[in-house]
Protein backbone atom coordinates (compact mmCIF):
# COMPACT_ATOMS: atom_id res chain seq x y z
CA MET A 1 -2.41 14.34 -0.92
CA LEU A 2 -2.16 13.77 2.77
CA LYS A 3 0.66 12.94 5.38
CA LEU A 4 -0.37 9.58 6.69
CA THR A 5 -1.30 9.79 10.57
CA ASN A 6 -2.46 7.37 12.95
CA ASP A 7 -5.75 9.25 13.35
CA LEU A 8 -6.24 8.87 9.56
CA LEU A 9 -5.45 5.31 9.50
CA ARG A 10 -7.83 4.59 12.42
CA GLY A 11 -10.66 6.70 10.81
CA PHE A 12 -10.19 4.82 7.55
CA LEU A 13 -10.22 1.24 9.49
CA LYS A 14 -13.33 2.08 11.34
CA ASN A 15 -15.76 -0.93 11.29
CA ALA A 16 -13.16 -2.91 9.51
CA SER A 17 -13.68 -6.74 9.71
CA ARG A 18 -10.83 -8.25 7.25
CA ILE A 19 -8.26 -6.34 5.60
CA ALA A 20 -6.29 -6.98 2.41
CA ILE A 21 -2.97 -5.18 2.03
CA VAL A 22 -1.86 -5.26 -1.61
CA ALA A 23 2.31 -4.46 -1.63
CA LEU A 24 3.37 -3.10 -4.96
CA GLY A 25 7.02 -2.49 -6.17
CA ASN A 26 10.07 -3.68 -7.75
CA GLU A 27 12.57 -5.01 -5.77
CA LEU A 28 15.39 -4.46 -8.51
CA ASN A 29 14.75 -0.68 -8.72
CA ARG A 30 16.13 0.78 -5.46
CA ASP A 31 13.45 2.78 -3.52
CA ASP A 32 10.77 1.59 -5.49
CA ALA A 33 10.98 -1.82 -3.63
CA ALA A 34 9.18 0.00 -0.77
CA GLY A 35 5.99 -1.42 -0.64
CA ILE A 36 7.41 -4.91 -0.80
CA LEU A 37 9.92 -4.36 1.94
CA VAL A 38 6.41 -3.00 4.08
CA GLY A 39 4.18 -6.07 2.74
CA LYS A 40 7.07 -8.72 3.73
CA LYS A 41 7.72 -7.25 7.51
CA LEU A 42 3.98 -7.63 7.85
CA ILE A 43 3.69 -10.97 6.74
CA LYS A 44 6.25 -11.73 9.03
CA ARG A 45 3.89 -10.13 12.21
CA ARG A 46 0.92 -12.58 10.96
CA LEU A 47 -1.62 -10.00 11.85
CA PRO A 48 -5.27 -11.75 12.43
CA LYS A 49 -7.89 -11.03 9.80
CA VAL A 50 -5.47 -9.50 7.51
CA ASP A 51 -4.08 -10.90 4.32
CA VAL A 52 -0.92 -9.53 2.69
CA PHE A 53 -0.55 -9.80 -0.92
CA LEU A 54 2.92 -9.29 -2.28
CA ALA A 55 1.79 -8.16 -6.04
CA TYR A 56 5.04 -6.57 -7.38
CA GLN A 57 4.28 -4.92 -10.58
CA SER A 58 1.08 -7.04 -11.14
CA PRO A 59 -1.79 -6.01 -8.69
CA GLU A 60 -4.29 -7.24 -11.45
CA ALA A 61 -2.80 -10.68 -10.31
CA TYR A 62 -5.00 -10.52 -6.94
CA LEU A 63 -7.79 -8.48 -8.24
CA MET A 64 -10.49 -11.13 -8.64
CA LYS A 65 -9.14 -12.98 -4.93
CA ILE A 66 -9.64 -9.04 -3.49
CA ILE A 67 -13.07 -8.37 -4.99
CA GLN A 68 -14.78 -12.16 -4.00
CA GLY A 69 -12.76 -12.13 -0.66
CA ASP A 70 -14.70 -11.28 2.21
CA TYR A 71 -12.65 -7.61 2.86
CA SER A 72 -13.94 -4.85 4.10
CA HIS A 73 -10.96 -2.73 3.50
CA VAL A 74 -8.10 -2.71 1.23
CA ILE A 75 -4.82 -0.99 1.68
CA PHE A 76 -2.45 -0.62 -1.30
CA ILE A 77 1.53 0.39 -0.37
CA ASP A 78 3.77 1.61 -3.29
CA ALA A 79 6.61 3.79 -3.56
CA ALA A 80 5.40 7.19 -4.77
CA GLU A 81 6.73 10.22 -6.82
CA ALA A 82 4.76 12.77 -5.05
CA TYR A 83 7.51 15.63 -4.82
CA VAL A 84 7.47 15.57 -1.07
CA LYS A 85 10.54 14.92 1.32
CA PRO A 86 12.15 11.39 0.58
CA GLY A 87 10.67 8.74 2.98
CA GLU A 88 7.55 10.88 3.66
CA ILE A 89 4.36 8.32 3.94
CA ILE A 90 1.40 10.03 2.14
CA VAL A 91 -2.13 8.93 1.23
CA ILE A 92 -2.84 9.31 -2.30
CA GLU A 93 -6.53 10.02 -3.31
CA GLU A 94 -8.01 7.80 -6.18
CA ASN A 95 -8.28 11.46 -8.30
CA GLU A 96 -4.73 11.78 -7.71
CA ILE A 97 -3.65 8.55 -9.75
CA ILE A 98 -2.89 9.69 -13.20
CA PRO A 99 -4.19 7.01 -15.69
CA GLU A 100 -0.87 5.66 -17.24
CA GLN A 101 -0.19 5.96 -20.78
CA PHE A 102 2.68 3.24 -20.04
CA SER A 103 2.56 1.35 -16.95
CA THR A 104 4.32 -1.97 -15.38
CA HIS A 105 1.03 -3.06 -14.43
CA ARG A 106 -0.68 -4.63 -17.11
CA ILE A 107 -3.92 -3.07 -16.02
CA PRO A 108 -3.71 0.70 -15.13
CA LEU A 109 -4.04 1.20 -11.52
CA HIS A 110 -6.91 3.57 -11.60
CA LEU A 111 -9.19 0.51 -13.29
CA ILE A 112 -8.10 -2.03 -10.58
CA LEU A 113 -8.95 0.68 -7.78
CA GLY A 114 -12.43 1.34 -9.66
CA ASN A 115 -13.37 -2.23 -9.86
CA ILE A 116 -12.41 -2.87 -5.99
CA LYS A 117 -14.36 0.28 -4.81
CA ARG A 118 -17.55 -0.92 -7.12
CA SER A 119 -17.38 -4.23 -5.16
CA GLY A 120 -18.33 -2.11 -1.93
CA LYS A 121 -14.83 -2.30 -0.11
CA LYS A 122 -12.86 0.68 1.23
CA ILE A 123 -9.75 1.56 -0.27
CA LEU A 124 -6.44 3.33 1.11
CA PHE A 125 -3.48 3.68 -1.16
CA ILE A 126 -0.33 4.53 0.76
CA GLY A 127 2.71 5.99 -0.85
CA ILE A 128 6.05 6.33 0.33
CA GLN A 129 8.19 9.03 -1.20
CA ARG A 130 11.16 7.63 -2.84
CA LYS A 131 14.89 8.94 -3.23
CA LEU A 132 16.51 6.56 -5.20
CA VAL A 133 15.63 5.56 -8.73
CA GLY A 134 17.03 3.06 -11.61
CA ILE A 135 18.24 -0.40 -11.23
CA GLY A 136 19.87 -1.34 -8.00
CA LEU A 137 19.52 -3.19 -4.90
CA ASN A 138 20.48 -0.44 -2.42
CA ARG A 139 17.75 1.65 -1.07
CA SER A 140 17.82 5.38 0.87
CA LYS A 141 17.87 5.41 4.66
CA GLU A 142 14.92 7.94 4.30
CA VAL A 143 12.83 4.94 2.60
CA LEU A 144 14.10 2.09 5.09
CA ASN A 145 13.06 4.35 8.14
CA ALA A 146 9.50 5.09 6.46
CA VAL A 147 9.31 1.07 5.74
CA LYS A 148 9.88 0.52 9.61
CA LYS A 149 7.45 3.40 10.61
CA LEU A 150 4.86 2.46 8.32
CA VAL A 151 5.14 -1.38 9.48
CA LYS A 152 4.79 -0.30 13.17
CA MET A 153 1.85 2.19 12.47
CA LEU A 154 -0.07 -0.41 10.42
CA SER A 155 0.44 -3.32 12.85
CA SER A 156 -0.71 -1.33 15.85
CA THR A 157 -3.30 0.44 14.38
CA ILE A 158 -5.09 -2.65 12.74
CA LYS A 159 -4.60 -4.56 16.06
CA GLU A 160 -6.49 -1.58 17.79
CA CYS A 161 -9.21 -1.20 15.20
CA LEU A 162 -10.11 -4.84 14.88
CA GLU A 163 -10.21 -5.63 18.40
CA ASN A 164 -12.85 -2.99 19.23
C-alpha cells in the first residue's frame, strides 16, 4: 500500500486516452461515502475524456460498460480500512484486496478487477481511510478534507496527462 502522490498518479496515467472513474460507497454509512462524494464532485467538473460512474455498492453494474468501452485506464475510488491515519489517500494494490466472504458487492471486487485487467485496461484502486463507521449521514472532517484534496489532484493531473 502506497500513499497517493501526484507523481504516482502521473505515472499511472501515462499514455491515457480515455479514463473511467468508478466511485464506490454507501452514502448512509458515514465515511463510507468517500468514493461517492469524490465521484459527484468530479462529475460537476466535466473533465474531457473522463466518464464517472457512481456505482455505490454495485460496481458489477458497470462491468460490461467499462470492459466494452474505449477506456485505457480505470480508477476505482472507495473508503478503505487500511489502518492508517483517517483521511489518508492510498493506492491499494490488487493483491491487497482480500477476496470477500461477505460483501455488499454482488460480485467480489477482486473478480471485477480481474475481468477489467484481462480486457487490457490499466487499473488503479484509490482508498480513503475512513474514521467514522456505522449508519449516519455525518462525515469526519478528515475524510471531507481528503475528498477535496483527491478531487483537486485527480482533476489537475488528469487534465495535464490527457493534454500531452
